[in-house]
């Protein structure tokens, strides 16, 4: 599976907050030099980690289809990568905290702040504070040789206009109405580069169903997991908590869900006591469903 990393951002950010090195309500401007390019400067100086986690900082949402590289190629440095993106998308769309609108730049800024205050690379922080203690041994920001035989193939509609924006090297063999994609990694892992197995994803879901504890190991505090699900800001399409969201059309339905999604995977928590994960080779459909109920017991596969 490959999922968006708001999950890693949020849980890793809680780990940094728990150790006292990152205040979710303090400005991140001094920790991220690339923010000096953002306009207006006054707005940029008011951005806090909580805004970044809830997609309410006001950043643009540029299409990331070319932010990729082959698995065996060296990724661009995270600071240089972020600086280049903010140089091209420097204007904030609205006052930070006033509303929610998804942005793939926000997670990158948050990862830079986390790396600055902890002195550890974002990927290492997530691995050491979340993935390792949780026993997610087949999940990471690179695809290891042991993971490759089990990796799902990505597909994209042949007639989609987005195909014209894809790097030519990423397009592989046609498959009917679809084209298959060669294995690739994103340039900025914080916005969508976490790779792993469905079994590992199920462990992550069980962690949140058990309010931050799994197998006798407490990774997140109950207060932290509850605050993540608390809706704090509304948007036109989605209302956001911290890494969790609720479709605006379902505001009367109750609590937030984590709908973390990516190239080949979807995660949904339709009610507080049930989580579902499924993988589809073509971006939709039903495959490898893994429901889990509160208490950690897996449902039928």
Protein backbone atom coordinates (compact mmCIF):
# COMPACT_ATOMS: atom_id res chain seq x y z
CA UNK A 1 0.00 0.00 0.00
CA UNK A 2 1.01 3.60 -0.41
CA UNK A 3 -0.82 6.16 1.70
CA UNK A 4 -0.72 9.87 2.29
CA UNK A 5 1.50 10.73 5.21
CA UNK A 6 -0.71 13.04 7.19
CA UNK A 7 -0.87 9.95 9.40
CA UNK A 8 2.90 9.86 9.90
CA UNK A 9 3.03 13.64 10.16
CA UNK A 10 0.37 13.73 12.87
CA UNK A 11 1.61 10.83 14.96
CA UNK A 12 5.26 11.85 14.59
CA UNK A 13 4.32 15.41 15.44
CA UNK A 14 2.64 14.18 18.62
CA UNK A 15 5.86 12.38 19.53
CA UNK A 16 7.82 15.61 19.08
CA UNK A 17 5.20 17.51 21.08
CA UNK A 18 5.25 14.91 23.86
CA UNK A 19 8.98 15.40 24.36
CA UNK A 20 8.48 19.14 24.68
CA UNK A 21 10.45 20.15 21.59
CA UNK A 22 7.49 21.16 19.41
CA UNK A 23 4.56 23.28 20.56
CA UNK A 24 1.57 22.68 18.28
CA UNK A 25 0.35 26.22 18.92
CA UNK A 26 3.66 28.04 18.43
CA UNK A 27 4.68 29.57 15.07
CA UNK A 28 6.96 27.39 12.94
CA UNK A 29 8.39 30.30 10.94
CA UNK A 30 11.74 30.37 12.74
CA UNK A 31 12.24 26.63 12.20
CA UNK A 32 11.63 26.62 8.42
CA UNK A 33 13.86 29.07 6.49
CA UNK A 34 11.97 28.38 3.26
CA UNK A 35 8.93 30.18 4.73
CA UNK A 36 10.75 33.50 4.29
CA UNK A 37 9.70 33.35 0.63
CA UNK A 38 5.98 33.16 1.47
CA UNK A 39 3.71 36.18 1.02
CA UNK A 40 2.39 37.83 2.93
CA UNK A 41 5.19 37.55 5.47
CA UNK A 42 2.84 38.54 8.29
CA UNK A 43 0.56 35.60 7.51
CA UNK A 44 3.48 33.21 7.17
CA UNK A 45 4.71 34.20 10.63
CA UNK A 46 1.33 33.20 12.10
CA UNK A 47 1.39 29.61 10.79
CA UNK A 48 1.52 27.04 13.59
CA UNK A 49 1.91 23.25 13.50
CA UNK A 50 -1.80 22.83 14.23
CA UNK A 51 -2.61 24.72 11.01
CA UNK A 52 -0.33 22.43 9.02
CA UNK A 53 -1.89 19.28 10.50
CA UNK A 54 -5.41 20.49 9.74
CA UNK A 55 -4.66 21.83 6.23
CA UNK A 56 -5.65 25.32 7.32
CA UNK A 57 -2.35 27.18 6.80
CA UNK A 58 -3.49 28.67 3.47
CA UNK A 59 -0.95 27.09 1.12
CA UNK A 60 -1.70 26.34 -2.53
CA UNK A 61 -2.14 22.74 -3.66
CA UNK A 62 0.05 22.28 -6.76
CA UNK A 63 -0.28 19.06 -8.75
CA UNK A 64 2.57 16.77 -7.63
CA UNK A 65 2.70 14.40 -10.61
CA UNK A 66 6.29 15.39 -11.43
CA UNK A 67 7.57 15.30 -7.84
CA UNK A 68 8.78 11.74 -8.38
CA UNK A 69 11.97 9.84 -9.11
CA UNK A 70 12.98 6.24 -9.79
CA UNK A 71 13.48 4.06 -6.73
CA UNK A 72 17.20 3.70 -7.36
CA UNK A 73 17.76 7.44 -7.91
CA UNK A 74 18.89 9.82 -5.20
CA UNK A 75 16.03 11.95 -3.89
CA UNK A 76 16.44 15.74 -3.80
CA UNK A 77 17.43 17.24 -0.45
CA UNK A 78 14.26 18.03 1.54
CA UNK A 79 15.22 21.65 2.30
CA UNK A 80 16.14 22.43 -1.32
CA UNK A 81 13.03 20.62 -2.57
CA UNK A 82 10.73 22.61 -0.26
CA UNK A 83 12.45 25.91 -1.00
CA UNK A 84 11.97 25.39 -4.74
CA UNK A 85 8.28 24.61 -4.33
CA UNK A 86 7.57 27.62 -2.10
CA UNK A 87 9.45 29.88 -4.54
CA UNK A 88 6.89 28.88 -7.20
CA UNK A 89 3.86 28.87 -4.88
CA UNK A 90 4.64 31.58 -2.38
CA UNK A 91 1.29 33.30 -1.91
CA UNK A 92 -1.00 32.11 0.88
CA UNK A 93 -4.63 31.78 -0.24
CA UNK A 94 -6.24 32.76 3.06
CA UNK A 95 -5.57 33.70 6.68
CA UNK A 96 -4.03 30.72 8.54
CA UNK A 97 -6.61 28.94 10.67
CA UNK A 98 -9.65 30.58 9.04
CA UNK A 99 -10.73 27.54 6.99
CA UNK A 100 -9.52 24.19 5.67
CA UNK A 101 -8.34 23.47 2.13
CA UNK A 102 -6.10 20.51 1.30
CA UNK A 103 -2.50 21.33 0.40
CA UNK A 104 0.37 18.96 -0.29
CA UNK A 105 2.79 21.76 0.70
CA UNK A 106 1.60 21.83 4.31
CA UNK A 107 2.95 18.36 5.25
CA UNK A 108 6.32 19.26 3.70
CA UNK A 109 6.55 22.44 5.81
CA UNK A 110 5.57 20.49 8.93
CA UNK A 111 8.20 17.83 8.23
CA UNK A 112 10.84 20.56 7.89
CA UNK A 113 9.78 22.04 11.24
CA UNK A 114 9.85 18.61 12.92
CA UNK A 115 13.32 17.90 11.54
CA UNK A 116 14.56 21.29 12.73
CA UNK A 117 13.32 21.07 16.30
CA UNK A 118 14.26 17.41 16.86
CA UNK A 119 17.56 17.38 14.97
CA UNK A 120 16.43 14.21 13.17
CA UNK A 121 15.31 13.69 9.57
CA UNK A 122 11.54 13.38 9.21
CA UNK A 123 11.71 9.80 7.90
CA UNK A 124 13.95 8.75 10.79
CA UNK A 125 11.67 10.41 13.33
CA UNK A 126 8.60 8.55 12.04
CA UNK A 127 10.51 5.27 11.88
CA UNK A 128 11.95 5.56 15.41
CA UNK A 129 8.91 6.99 17.19
CA UNK A 130 6.02 5.28 15.37
CA UNK A 131 6.85 2.50 12.91
CA UNK A 132 9.50 0.76 15.04
CA UNK A 133 7.63 0.69 18.36
CA UNK A 134 4.44 -0.31 16.55
CA UNK A 135 6.16 -3.27 14.88
CA UNK A 136 5.49 -2.04 11.34
CA UNK A 137 8.58 -3.79 9.98
CA UNK A 138 7.45 -3.85 6.35
CA UNK A 139 6.64 -0.13 6.13
CA UNK A 140 9.00 2.72 5.29
CA UNK A 141 9.81 5.55 2.90
CA UNK A 142 11.72 3.32 0.49
CA UNK A 143 10.85 -0.02 -1.06
CA UNK A 144 13.26 -2.63 0.26
CA UNK A 145 14.16 -5.77 -1.78
CA UNK A 146 11.95 -7.79 0.55
CA UNK A 147 8.97 -5.53 -0.15
CA UNK A 148 9.32 -5.45 -3.93
CA UNK A 149 7.84 -8.92 -4.72
CA UNK A 150 4.70 -7.99 -2.74
CA UNK A 151 4.30 -4.47 -4.09
CA UNK A 152 1.08 -3.59 -5.90
CA UNK A 153 1.37 -2.20 -9.41
CA UNK A 154 0.05 1.31 -9.98
CA UNK A 155 -2.32 2.00 -12.87
CA UNK A 156 -3.70 5.11 -14.50
CA UNK A 157 -6.52 5.55 -17.08
CA UNK A 158 -5.09 5.66 -20.60
CA UNK A 159 -7.42 8.43 -21.73
CA UNK A 160 -6.99 10.68 -18.71
CA UNK A 161 -5.53 14.11 -19.56
CA UNK A 162 -3.34 13.81 -16.45
CA UNK A 163 -1.37 11.19 -18.36
CA UNK A 164 0.11 13.99 -20.46
CA UNK A 165 1.60 15.52 -17.30
CA UNK A 166 3.30 12.33 -16.11
CA UNK A 167 7.04 11.94 -16.71
CA UNK A 168 7.47 9.67 -19.72
CA UNK A 169 9.74 7.29 -17.85
CA UNK A 170 7.02 6.42 -15.31
CA UNK A 171 4.66 4.97 -17.95
CA UNK A 172 5.07 1.21 -18.46
CA UNK A 173 2.91 -1.34 -20.32
CA UNK A 174 -0.72 -0.75 -21.37
CA UNK A 175 -3.40 -2.91 -19.78
CA UNK A 176 -6.70 -2.45 -21.60
CA UNK A 177 -8.17 0.93 -20.65
CA UNK A 178 -5.25 1.47 -18.26
CA UNK A 179 -1.51 2.02 -18.30
CA UNK A 180 0.73 0.50 -15.68
CA UNK A 181 3.29 2.64 -13.86
CA UNK A 182 6.92 1.87 -13.12
CA UNK A 183 7.89 1.88 -9.42
CA UNK A 184 8.70 5.38 -8.21
CA UNK A 185 9.09 7.40 -5.04
CA UNK A 186 7.95 10.98 -4.32
CA UNK A 187 10.52 13.72 -3.91
CA UNK A 188 8.97 14.84 -0.62
CA UNK A 189 8.05 11.78 1.47
CA UNK A 190 6.08 13.77 4.06
CA UNK A 191 3.16 14.42 1.70
CA UNK A 192 2.70 10.87 0.42
CA UNK A 193 5.67 8.52 0.42
CA UNK A 194 4.96 5.87 3.08
CA UNK A 195 5.06 2.35 1.60
CA UNK A 196 4.11 -0.85 3.34
CA UNK A 197 1.92 -3.90 3.71
CA UNK A 198 -1.78 -4.09 4.46
CA UNK A 199 -0.99 -6.03 7.63
CA UNK A 200 1.14 -3.12 8.86
CA UNK A 201 -1.63 -0.69 7.97
CA UNK A 202 -4.02 -2.80 10.05
CA UNK A 203 -1.67 -2.44 13.04
CA UNK A 204 -1.76 1.32 12.61
CA UNK A 205 -5.56 1.27 12.58
CA UNK A 206 -5.64 -0.89 15.71
CA UNK A 207 -3.35 1.59 17.44
CA UNK A 208 -5.91 4.35 16.93
CA UNK A 209 -8.87 2.16 17.81
CA UNK A 210 -7.09 1.43 21.11
CA UNK A 211 -6.41 5.14 21.77
CA UNK A 212 -2.65 4.98 21.21
CA UNK A 213 -1.72 1.60 22.75
CA UNK A 214 -1.08 -1.74 21.08
CA UNK A 215 0.40 -4.94 22.42
CA UNK A 216 1.14 -3.40 25.79
CA UNK A 217 3.17 -0.57 24.22
CA UNK A 218 1.83 2.97 24.52
CA UNK A 219 2.91 5.08 21.56
CA UNK A 220 0.38 7.92 21.73
CA UNK A 221 -1.53 9.27 24.71
CA UNK A 222 -5.33 8.82 24.86
CA UNK A 223 -5.67 12.60 24.96
CA UNK A 224 -3.58 12.95 21.80
CA UNK A 225 -5.56 10.39 19.81
CA UNK A 226 -8.84 12.00 20.93
CA UNK A 227 -7.64 15.46 19.93
CA UNK A 228 -6.66 14.20 16.48
CA UNK A 229 -10.26 13.20 15.81
CA UNK A 230 -11.72 16.45 17.08
CA UNK A 231 -12.92 18.59 14.15
CA UNK A 232 -11.50 22.08 14.58
CA UNK A 233 -11.83 23.80 11.20
CA UNK A 234 -14.30 23.57 8.35
CA UNK A 235 -13.68 23.63 4.61
CA UNK A 236 -15.69 23.62 1.41
CA UNK A 237 -15.14 19.90 0.78
CA UNK A 238 -13.76 18.58 4.07
CA UNK A 239 -13.73 19.48 7.76
CA UNK A 240 -10.42 18.75 9.45
CA UNK A 241 -9.06 17.62 12.78
CA UNK A 242 -5.36 16.76 13.16
CA UNK A 243 -4.67 14.29 10.38
CA UNK A 244 -8.33 13.19 10.42
CA UNK A 245 -11.13 14.59 8.33
CA UNK A 246 -14.85 14.40 7.68
CA UNK A 247 -16.54 15.14 4.33
CA UNK A 248 -18.42 18.42 4.58
CA UNK A 249 -21.50 16.63 3.25
CA UNK A 250 -21.49 14.38 6.34
CA UNK A 251 -21.30 17.00 9.09
CA UNK A 252 -24.41 15.59 10.74
CA UNK A 253 -23.00 12.05 10.71
CA UNK A 254 -20.87 12.37 13.84
CA UNK A 255 -17.12 11.97 14.55
CA UNK A 256 -14.25 12.44 12.17
CA UNK A 257 -12.77 9.63 10.10
CA UNK A 258 -9.24 9.14 8.91
CA UNK A 259 -9.63 8.78 5.21
CA UNK A 260 -5.91 8.54 4.49
CA UNK A 261 -5.59 7.66 0.82
CA UNK A 262 -2.96 7.19 -1.82
CA UNK A 263 -2.06 5.62 -5.14
CA UNK A 264 -3.24 2.14 -4.22
CA UNK A 265 -4.92 2.24 -0.84
CA UNK A 266 -7.86 3.67 1.09
CA UNK A 267 -8.46 3.84 4.84
CA UNK A 268 -11.78 4.68 6.43
CA UNK A 269 -13.18 4.76 9.95
CA UNK A 270 -16.96 4.92 9.45
CA UNK A 271 -17.70 4.87 13.19
CA UNK A 272 -15.63 5.17 16.40
CA UNK A 273 -15.46 1.38 16.86
CA UNK A 274 -14.65 0.19 13.35
CA UNK A 275 -11.84 0.78 10.85
CA UNK A 276 -11.62 -0.48 7.28
CA UNK A 277 -8.69 -0.66 4.89
CA UNK A 278 -8.68 -1.85 1.32
CA UNK A 279 -6.33 -1.96 -1.63
CA UNK A 280 -7.18 -1.76 -5.31
CA UNK A 281 -4.76 -2.13 -8.20
CA UNK A 282 -6.64 0.41 -10.30
CA UNK A 283 -7.32 3.03 -7.65
CA UNK A 284 -10.83 1.76 -6.91
CA UNK A 285 -12.71 -1.46 -6.39
CA UNK A 286 -12.69 -4.00 -3.56
CA UNK A 287 -9.64 -6.01 -2.66
CA UNK A 288 -7.88 -7.20 0.52
CA UNK A 289 -10.40 -5.67 2.90
CA UNK A 290 -9.19 -5.56 6.53
CA UNK A 291 -11.85 -4.43 8.99
CA UNK A 292 -10.82 -3.98 12.64
CA UNK A 293 -12.98 -3.29 15.65
CA UNK A 294 -12.11 -1.43 18.86
CA UNK A 295 -10.07 -3.67 21.14
CA UNK A 296 -7.77 -4.73 18.30
CA UNK A 297 -9.48 -7.89 17.04
CA UNK A 298 -9.27 -8.14 13.25
CA UNK A 299 -12.42 -8.85 11.29
CA UNK A 300 -12.80 -11.22 8.32
CA UNK A 301 -10.32 -10.93 5.48
